[in-house]
Amino acid sequence: MKEVLEYIIKGIVKNPEDVKIVELVEENSKVFEVFLNDEDVGQVIGKDGRTIKSINILLNALAGPKNEKYVLRVIR
């Protein structure tokens, strides 16, 4: 799932070489910390958080019946 997220994020940003994703496990969910260049943060979050919410929905849909929950954190 990390590779899918990385592919999506790199397709959105202006500086794909600066994208770094760290996968953590917290309680009942997997947390992906997305490190970005400062000028790409707004692009990934989107207006009112719509872009990042859509990516999160997509990841959770791809999880299917695994019952895994994914959380995204955008970090500068």
PDB file of N, CA and C in Angstrom:
ATOM      1  N   MET A   1       0.825  -1.191   0.000  1.00  0.00           N
ATOM      2  CA  MET A   1       0.000   0.000   0.000  1.00  0.00           C
ATOM      3  C   MET A   1       0.874   1.261   0.000  1.00  0.00           C
ATOM      4  N   LYS A   2       2.048   1.143   0.620  1.00  0.00           N
ATOM      5  CA  LYS A   2       2.966   2.276   0.658  1.00  0.00           C
ATOM      6  C   LYS A   2       3.383   2.681  -0.758  1.00  0.00           C
ATOM      7  N   GLU A   3       3.616   1.698  -1.615  1.00  0.00           N
ATOM      8  CA  GLU A   3       4.032   1.967  -2.983  1.00  0.00           C
ATOM      9  C   GLU A   3       2.926   2.664  -3.768  1.00  0.00           C
ATOM     10  N   VAL A   4       1.686   2.252  -3.541  1.00  0.00           N
ATOM     11  CA  VAL A   4       0.536   2.887  -4.208  1.00  0.00           C
ATOM     12  C   VAL A   4       0.433   4.344  -3.781  1.00  0.00           C
ATOM     13  N   LEU A   5       0.547   4.595  -2.486  1.00  0.00           N
ATOM     14  CA  LEU A   5       0.475   5.959  -1.966  1.00  0.00           C
ATOM     15  C   LEU A   5       1.605   6.811  -2.538  1.00  0.00           C
ATOM     16  N   GLU A   6       2.792   6.260  -2.583  1.00  0.00           N
ATOM     17  CA  GLU A   6       3.938   6.997  -3.114  1.00  0.00           C
ATOM     18  C   GLU A   6       3.722   7.345  -4.591  1.00  0.00           C
ATOM     19  N   TYR A   7       3.183   6.423  -5.363  1.00  0.00           N
ATOM     20  CA  TYR A   7       2.899   6.658  -6.776  1.00  0.00           C
ATOM     21  C   TYR A   7       1.884   7.795  -6.948  1.00  0.00           C
ATOM     22  N   ILE A   8       0.833   7.784  -6.145  1.00  0.00           N
ATOM     23  CA  ILE A   8      -0.204   8.817  -6.231  1.00  0.00           C
ATOM     24  C   ILE A   8       0.367  10.179  -5.861  1.00  0.00           C
ATOM     25  N   ILE A   9       1.068  10.249  -4.734  1.00  0.00           N
ATOM     26  CA  ILE A   9       1.612  11.524  -4.241  1.00  0.00           C
ATOM     27  C   ILE A   9       2.625  12.097  -5.236  1.00  0.00           C
ATOM     28  N   LYS A  10       3.510  11.255  -5.744  1.00  0.00           N
ATOM     29  CA  LYS A  10       4.531  11.746  -6.687  1.00  0.00           C
ATOM     30  C   LYS A  10       3.905  12.256  -7.978  1.00  0.00           C
ATOM     31  N   GLY A  11       2.729  11.749  -8.330  1.00  0.00           N
ATOM     32  CA  GLY A  11       2.042  12.224  -9.515  1.00  0.00           C
ATOM     33  C   GLY A  11       1.393  13.582  -9.333  1.00  0.00           C
ATOM     34  N   ILE A  12       1.205  14.002  -8.097  1.00  0.00           N
ATOM     35  CA  ILE A  12       0.538  15.265  -7.792  1.00  0.00           C
ATOM     36  C   ILE A  12       1.527  16.415  -7.601  1.00  0.00           C
ATOM     37  N   VAL A  13       2.656  16.141  -6.976  1.00  0.00           N
ATOM     38  CA  VAL A  13       3.576  17.195  -6.548  1.00  0.00           C
ATOM     39  C   VAL A  13       4.496  17.699  -7.654  1.00  0.00           C
ATOM     40  N   LYS A  14       5.089  18.868  -7.410  1.00  0.00           N
ATOM     41  CA  LYS A  14       6.039  19.461  -8.347  1.00  0.00           C
ATOM     42  C   LYS A  14       7.461  18.951  -8.104  1.00  0.00           C
ATOM     43  N   ASN A  15       7.711  18.469  -6.885  1.00  0.00           N
ATOM     44  CA  ASN A  15       9.043  17.990  -6.513  1.00  0.00           C
ATOM     45  C   ASN A  15       8.969  16.530  -6.049  1.00  0.00           C
ATOM     46  N   PRO A  16       8.763  15.596  -6.972  1.00  0.00           N
ATOM     47  CA  PRO A  16       8.593  14.195  -6.564  1.00  0.00           C
ATOM     48  C   PRO A  16       9.833  13.589  -5.906  1.00  0.00           C
ATOM     49  N   GLU A  17      10.987  14.149  -6.172  1.00  0.00           N
ATOM     50  CA  GLU A  17      12.213  13.620  -5.565  1.00  0.00           C
ATOM     51  C   GLU A  17      12.268  13.887  -4.061  1.00  0.00           C
ATOM     52  N   ASP A  18      11.480  14.844  -3.564  1.00  0.00           N
ATOM     53  CA  ASP A  18      11.463  15.182  -2.140  1.00  0.00           C
ATOM     54  C   ASP A  18      10.439  14.380  -1.347  1.00  0.00           C
ATOM     55  N   VAL A  19       9.651  13.555  -2.005  1.00  0.00           N
ATOM     56  CA  VAL A  19       8.609  12.787  -1.320  1.00  0.00           C
ATOM     57  C   VAL A  19       9.236  11.616  -0.579  1.00  0.00           C
ATOM     58  N   LYS A  20       8.885  11.514   0.707  1.00  0.00           N
ATOM     59  CA  LYS A  20       9.342  10.397   1.532  1.00  0.00           C
ATOM     60  C   LYS A  20       8.145   9.933   2.352  1.00  0.00           C
ATOM     61  N   ILE A  21       7.919   8.639   2.393  1.00  0.00           N
ATOM     62  CA  ILE A  21       6.778   8.094   3.127  1.00  0.00           C
ATOM     63  C   ILE A  21       7.284   7.084   4.146  1.00  0.00           C
ATOM     64  N   VAL A  22       6.856   7.270   5.395  1.00  0.00           N
ATOM     65  CA  VAL A  22       7.231   6.374   6.481  1.00  0.00           C
ATOM     66  C   VAL A  22       5.963   5.694   6.977  1.00  0.00           C
ATOM     67  N   GLU A  23       6.024   4.370   7.095  1.00  0.00           N
ATOM     68  CA  GLU A  23       4.866   3.595   7.533  1.00  0.00           C
ATOM     69  C   GLU A  23       5.025   3.216   9.002  1.00  0.00           C
ATOM     70  N   LEU A  24       3.999   3.525   9.798  1.00  0.00           N
ATOM     71  CA  LEU A  24       3.985   3.211  11.225  1.00  0.00           C
ATOM     72  C   LEU A  24       2.720   2.429  11.548  1.00  0.00           C
ATOM     73  N   VAL A  25       2.730   1.709  12.656  1.00  0.00           N
ATOM     74  CA  VAL A  25       1.523   1.018  13.116  1.00  0.00           C
ATOM     75  C   VAL A  25       1.144   1.595  14.466  1.00  0.00           C
ATOM     76  N   GLU A  26      -0.087   2.096  14.561  1.00  0.00           N
ATOM     77  CA  GLU A  26      -0.610   2.651  15.811  1.00  0.00           C
ATOM     78  C   GLU A  26      -1.971   2.042  16.078  1.00  0.00           C
ATOM     79  N   GLU A  27      -2.093   1.370  17.207  1.00  0.00           N
ATOM     80  CA  GLU A  27      -3.338   0.720  17.603  1.00  0.00           C
ATOM     81  C   GLU A  27      -3.883  -0.145  16.476  1.00  0.00           C
ATOM     82  N   ASN A  28      -5.055   0.167  15.940  1.00  0.00           N
ATOM     83  CA  ASN A  28      -5.679  -0.663  14.911  1.00  0.00           C
ATOM     84  C   ASN A  28      -5.532  -0.089  13.514  1.00  0.00           C
ATOM     85  N   SER A  29      -4.556   0.762  13.299  1.00  0.00           N
ATOM     86  CA  SER A  29      -4.436   1.390  11.983  1.00  0.00           C
ATOM     87  C   SER A  29      -2.973   1.535  11.576  1.00  0.00           C
ATOM     88  N   LYS A  30      -2.781   1.633  10.272  1.00  0.00           N
ATOM     89  CA  LYS A  30      -1.456   1.933   9.734  1.00  0.00           C
ATOM     90  C   LYS A  30      -1.413   3.419   9.436  1.00  0.00           C
ATOM     91  N   VAL A  31      -0.354   4.049   9.871  1.00  0.00           N
ATOM     92  CA  VAL A  31      -0.183   5.484   9.679  1.00  0.00           C
ATOM     93  C   VAL A  31       0.932   5.699   8.655  1.00  0.00           C
ATOM     94  N   PHE A  32       0.623   6.504   7.653  1.00  0.00           N
ATOM     95  CA  PHE A  32       1.623   6.879   6.665  1.00  0.00           C
ATOM     96  C   PHE A  32       1.959   8.347   6.884  1.00  0.00           C
ATOM     97  N   GLU A  33       3.206   8.608   7.261  1.00  0.00           N
ATOM     98  CA  GLU A  33       3.672   9.983   7.393  1.00  0.00           C
ATOM     99  C   GLU A  33       4.294  10.369   6.062  1.00  0.00           C
ATOM    100  N   VAL A  34       3.726  11.392   5.438  1.00  0.00           N
ATOM    101  CA  VAL A  34       4.159  11.825   4.112  1.00  0.00           C
ATOM    102  C   VAL A  34       4.982  13.104   4.265  1.00  0.00           C
ATOM    103  N   PHE A  35       6.262  13.006   3.973  1.00  0.00           N
ATOM    104  CA  PHE A  35       7.163  14.156   4.039  1.00  0.00           C
ATOM    105  C   PHE A  35       7.256  14.779   2.660  1.00  0.00           C
ATOM    106  N   LEU A  36       7.033  16.100   2.594  1.00  0.00           N
ATOM    107  CA  LEU A  36       6.979  16.805   1.320  1.00  0.00           C
ATOM    108  C   LEU A  36       7.818  18.071   1.346  1.00  0.00           C
ATOM    109  N   ASN A  37       8.124  18.560   0.169  1.00  0.00           N
ATOM    110  CA  ASN A  37       8.714  19.880   0.018  1.00  0.00           C
ATOM    111  C   ASN A  37       7.655  20.904   0.450  1.00  0.00           C
ATOM    112  N   ASP A  38       8.076  22.007   1.043  1.00  0.00           N
ATOM    113  CA  ASP A  38       7.138  23.025   1.535  1.00  0.00           C
ATOM    114  C   ASP A  38       6.158  23.510   0.476  1.00  0.00           C
ATOM    115  N   GLU A  39       6.618  23.653  -0.759  1.00  0.00           N
ATOM    116  CA  GLU A  39       5.717  24.192  -1.781  1.00  0.00           C
ATOM    117  C   GLU A  39       4.719  23.151  -2.308  1.00  0.00           C
ATOM    118  N   ASP A  40       4.872  21.890  -1.929  1.00  0.00           N
ATOM    119  CA  ASP A  40       3.955  20.843  -2.377  1.00  0.00           C
ATOM    120  C   ASP A  40       2.858  20.514  -1.363  1.00  0.00           C
ATOM    121  N   VAL A  41       2.981  21.017  -0.154  1.00  0.00           N
ATOM    122  CA  VAL A  41       2.027  20.678   0.900  1.00  0.00           C
ATOM    123  C   VAL A  41       0.602  21.070   0.514  1.00  0.00           C
ATOM    124  N   GLY A  42       0.414  22.277   0.050  1.00  0.00           N
ATOM    125  CA  GLY A  42      -0.920  22.741  -0.338  1.00  0.00           C
ATOM    126  C   GLY A  42      -1.504  21.936  -1.482  1.00  0.00           C
ATOM    127  N   GLN A  43      -0.653  21.513  -2.388  1.00  0.00           N
ATOM    128  CA  GLN A  43      -1.090  20.721  -3.532  1.00  0.00           C
ATOM    129  C   GLN A  43      -1.643  19.369  -3.078  1.00  0.00           C
ATOM    130  N   VAL A  44      -0.989  18.737  -2.122  1.00  0.00           N
ATOM    131  CA  VAL A  44      -1.413  17.414  -1.645  1.00  0.00           C
ATOM    132  C   VAL A  44      -2.638  17.519  -0.748  1.00  0.00           C
ATOM    133  N   ILE A  45      -2.684  18.538   0.092  1.00  0.00           N
ATOM    134  CA  ILE A  45      -3.844  18.683   0.983  1.00  0.00           C
ATOM    135  C   ILE A  45      -5.071  19.093   0.187  1.00  0.00           C
ATOM    136  N   GLY A  46      -4.917  20.025  -0.734  1.00  0.00           N
ATOM    137  CA  GLY A  46      -6.039  20.459  -1.564  1.00  0.00           C
ATOM    138  C   GLY A  46      -6.948  21.430  -0.831  1.00  0.00           C
ATOM    139  N   LYS A  47      -7.892  21.973  -1.556  1.00  0.00           N
ATOM    140  CA  LYS A  47      -8.819  22.948  -0.988  1.00  0.00           C
ATOM    141  C   LYS A  47      -9.714  22.249   0.034  1.00  0.00           C
ATOM    142  N   ASP A  48      -9.716  22.777   1.250  1.00  0.00           N
ATOM    143  CA  ASP A  48     -10.475  22.213   2.368  1.00  0.00           C
ATOM    144  C   ASP A  48     -10.111  20.753   2.644  1.00  0.00           C
ATOM    145  N   GLY A  49      -8.917  20.324   2.262  1.00  0.00           N
ATOM    146  CA  GLY A  49      -8.475  18.960   2.526  1.00  0.00           C
ATOM    147  C   GLY A  49      -9.084  17.910   1.613  1.00  0.00           C
ATOM    148  N   ARG A  50      -9.659  18.333   0.517  1.00  0.00           N
ATOM    149  CA  ARG A  50     -10.357  17.385  -0.366  1.00  0.00           C
ATOM    150  C   ARG A  50      -9.428  16.369  -1.010  1.00  0.00           C
ATOM    151  N   THR A  51      -8.253  16.805  -1.418  1.00  0.00           N
ATOM    152  CA  THR A  51      -7.338  15.891  -2.100  1.00  0.00           C
ATOM    153  C   THR A  51      -6.842  14.809  -1.157  1.00  0.00           C
ATOM    154  N   ILE A  52      -6.381  15.195   0.023  1.00  0.00           N
ATOM    155  CA  ILE A  52      -5.854  14.209   0.971  1.00  0.00           C
ATOM    156  C   ILE A  52      -6.966  13.279   1.458  1.00  0.00           C
ATOM    157  N   LYS A  53      -8.173  13.799   1.632  1.00  0.00           N
ATOM    158  CA  LYS A  53      -9.298  12.948   2.017  1.00  0.00           C
ATOM    159  C   LYS A  53      -9.607  11.935   0.930  1.00  0.00           C
ATOM    160  N   SER A  54      -9.547  12.364  -0.319  1.00  0.00           N
ATOM    161  CA  SER A  54      -9.811  11.453  -1.441  1.00  0.00           C
ATOM    162  C   SER A  54      -8.760  10.351  -1.514  1.00  0.00           C
ATOM    163  N   ILE A  55      -7.514  10.712  -1.290  1.00  0.00           N
ATOM    164  CA  ILE A  55      -6.444   9.706  -1.292  1.00  0.00           C
ATOM    165  C   ILE A  55      -6.667   8.713  -0.160  1.00  0.00           C
ATOM    166  N   ASN A  56      -7.053   9.201   0.999  1.00  0.00           N
ATOM    167  CA  ASN A  56      -7.309   8.337   2.149  1.00  0.00           C
ATOM    168  C   ASN A  56      -8.471   7.384   1.868  1.00  0.00           C
ATOM    169  N   ILE A  57      -9.530   7.890   1.265  1.00  0.00           N
ATOM    170  CA  ILE A  57     -10.680   7.051   0.909  1.00  0.00           C
ATOM    171  C   ILE A  57     -10.250   5.968  -0.082  1.00  0.00           C
ATOM    172  N   LEU A  58      -9.431   6.349  -1.057  1.00  0.00           N
ATOM    173  CA  LEU A  58      -8.949   5.396  -2.047  1.00  0.00           C
ATOM    174  C   LEU A  58      -8.125   4.285  -1.391  1.00  0.00           C
ATOM    175  N   LEU A  59      -7.227   4.643  -0.479  1.00  0.00           N
ATOM    176  CA  LEU A  59      -6.412   3.641   0.204  1.00  0.00           C
ATOM    177  C   LEU A  59      -7.271   2.686   1.013  1.00  0.00           C
ATOM    178  N   ASN A  60      -8.246   3.233   1.725  1.00  0.00           N
ATOM    179  CA  ASN A  60      -9.115   2.380   2.534  1.00  0.00           C
ATOM    180  C   ASN A  60      -9.993   1.484   1.662  1.00  0.00           C
ATOM    181  N   ALA A  61     -10.376   1.963   0.489  1.00  0.00           N
ATOM    182  CA  ALA A  61     -11.150   1.134  -0.438  1.00  0.00           C
ATOM    183  C   ALA A  61     -10.278   0.017  -1.006  1.00  0.00           C
ATOM    184  N   LEU A  62      -9.026   0.310  -1.302  1.00  0.00           N
ATOM    185  CA  LEU A  62      -8.113  -0.699  -1.824  1.00  0.00           C
ATOM    186  C   LEU A  62      -7.795  -1.773  -0.790  1.00  0.00           C
ATOM    187  N   ALA A  63      -7.910  -1.435   0.486  1.00  0.00           N
ATOM    188  CA  ALA A  63      -7.658  -2.409   1.538  1.00  0.00           C
ATOM    189  C   ALA A  63      -8.674  -3.538   1.493  1.00  0.00           C
ATOM    190  N   GLY A  64      -9.873  -3.229   1.019  1.00  0.00           N
ATOM    191  CA  GLY A  64     -10.908  -4.249   0.866  1.00  0.00           C
ATOM    192  C   GLY A  64     -11.301  -4.873   2.195  1.00  0.00           C
ATOM    193  N   PRO A  65     -11.485  -6.187   2.186  1.00  0.00           N
ATOM    194  CA  PRO A  65     -11.979  -6.867   3.392  1.00  0.00           C
ATOM    195  C   PRO A  65     -10.917  -7.088   4.469  1.00  0.00           C
ATOM    196  N   LYS A  66      -9.738  -6.523   4.301  1.00  0.00           N
ATOM    197  CA  LYS A  66      -8.675  -6.704   5.298  1.00  0.00           C
ATOM    198  C   LYS A  66      -9.005  -6.021   6.623  1.00  0.00           C
ATOM    199  N   ASN A  67      -9.938  -5.087   6.602  1.00  0.00           N
ATOM    200  CA  ASN A  67     -10.324  -4.315   7.786  1.00  0.00           C
ATOM    201  C   ASN A  67      -9.161  -3.504   8.359  1.00  0.00           C
ATOM    202  N   GLU A  68      -8.221  -3.145   7.507  1.00  0.00           N
ATOM    203  CA  GLU A  68      -7.143  -2.262   7.937  1.00  0.00           C
ATOM    204  C   GLU A  68      -7.584  -0.829   7.701  1.00  0.00           C
ATOM    205  N   LYS A  69      -7.246   0.029   8.634  1.00  0.00           N
ATOM    206  CA  LYS A  69      -7.561   1.440   8.486  1.00  0.00           C
ATOM    207  C   LYS A  69      -6.260   2.183   8.249  1.00  0.00           C
ATOM    208  N   TYR A  70      -6.290   3.108   7.294  1.00  0.00           N
ATOM    209  CA  TYR A  70      -5.109   3.889   6.967  1.00  0.00           C
ATOM    210  C   TYR A  70      -5.314   5.342   7.358  1.00  0.00           C
ATOM    211  N   VAL A  71      -4.275   5.914   7.935  1.00  0.00           N
ATOM    212  CA  VAL A  71      -4.284   7.315   8.342  1.00  0.00           C
ATOM    213  C   VAL A  71      -3.114   8.001   7.646  1.00  0.00           C
ATOM    214  N   LEU A  72      -3.380   9.179   7.091  1.00  0.00           N
ATOM    215  CA  LEU A  72      -2.320   9.936   6.411  1.00  0.00           C
ATOM    216  C   LEU A  72      -1.973  11.174   7.213  1.00  0.00           C
ATOM    217  N   ARG A  73      -0.693  11.412   7.362  1.00  0.00           N
ATOM    218  CA  ARG A  73      -0.208  12.639   8.012  1.00  0.00           C
ATOM    219  C   ARG A  73       0.760  13.317   7.068  1.00  0.00           C
ATOM    220  N   VAL A  74       0.454  14.556   6.734  1.00  0.00           N
ATOM    221  CA  VAL A  74       1.337  15.332   5.864  1.00  0.00           C
ATOM    222  C   VAL A  74       2.292  16.124   6.743  1.00  0.00           C
ATOM    223  N   ILE A  75       3.581  15.946   6.493  1.00  0.00           N
ATOM    224  CA  ILE A  75       4.614  16.596   7.306  1.00  0.00           C
ATOM    225  C   ILE A  75       5.534  17.359   6.372  1.00  0.00           C
ATOM    226  N   ARG A  76       5.889  18.588   6.750  1.00  0.00           N
ATOM    227  CA  ARG A  76       6.781  19.399   5.931  1.00  0.00           C
ATOM    228  C   ARG A  76       8.210  19.007   6.171  1.00  0.00           C
TER     229      ARG A  76
END
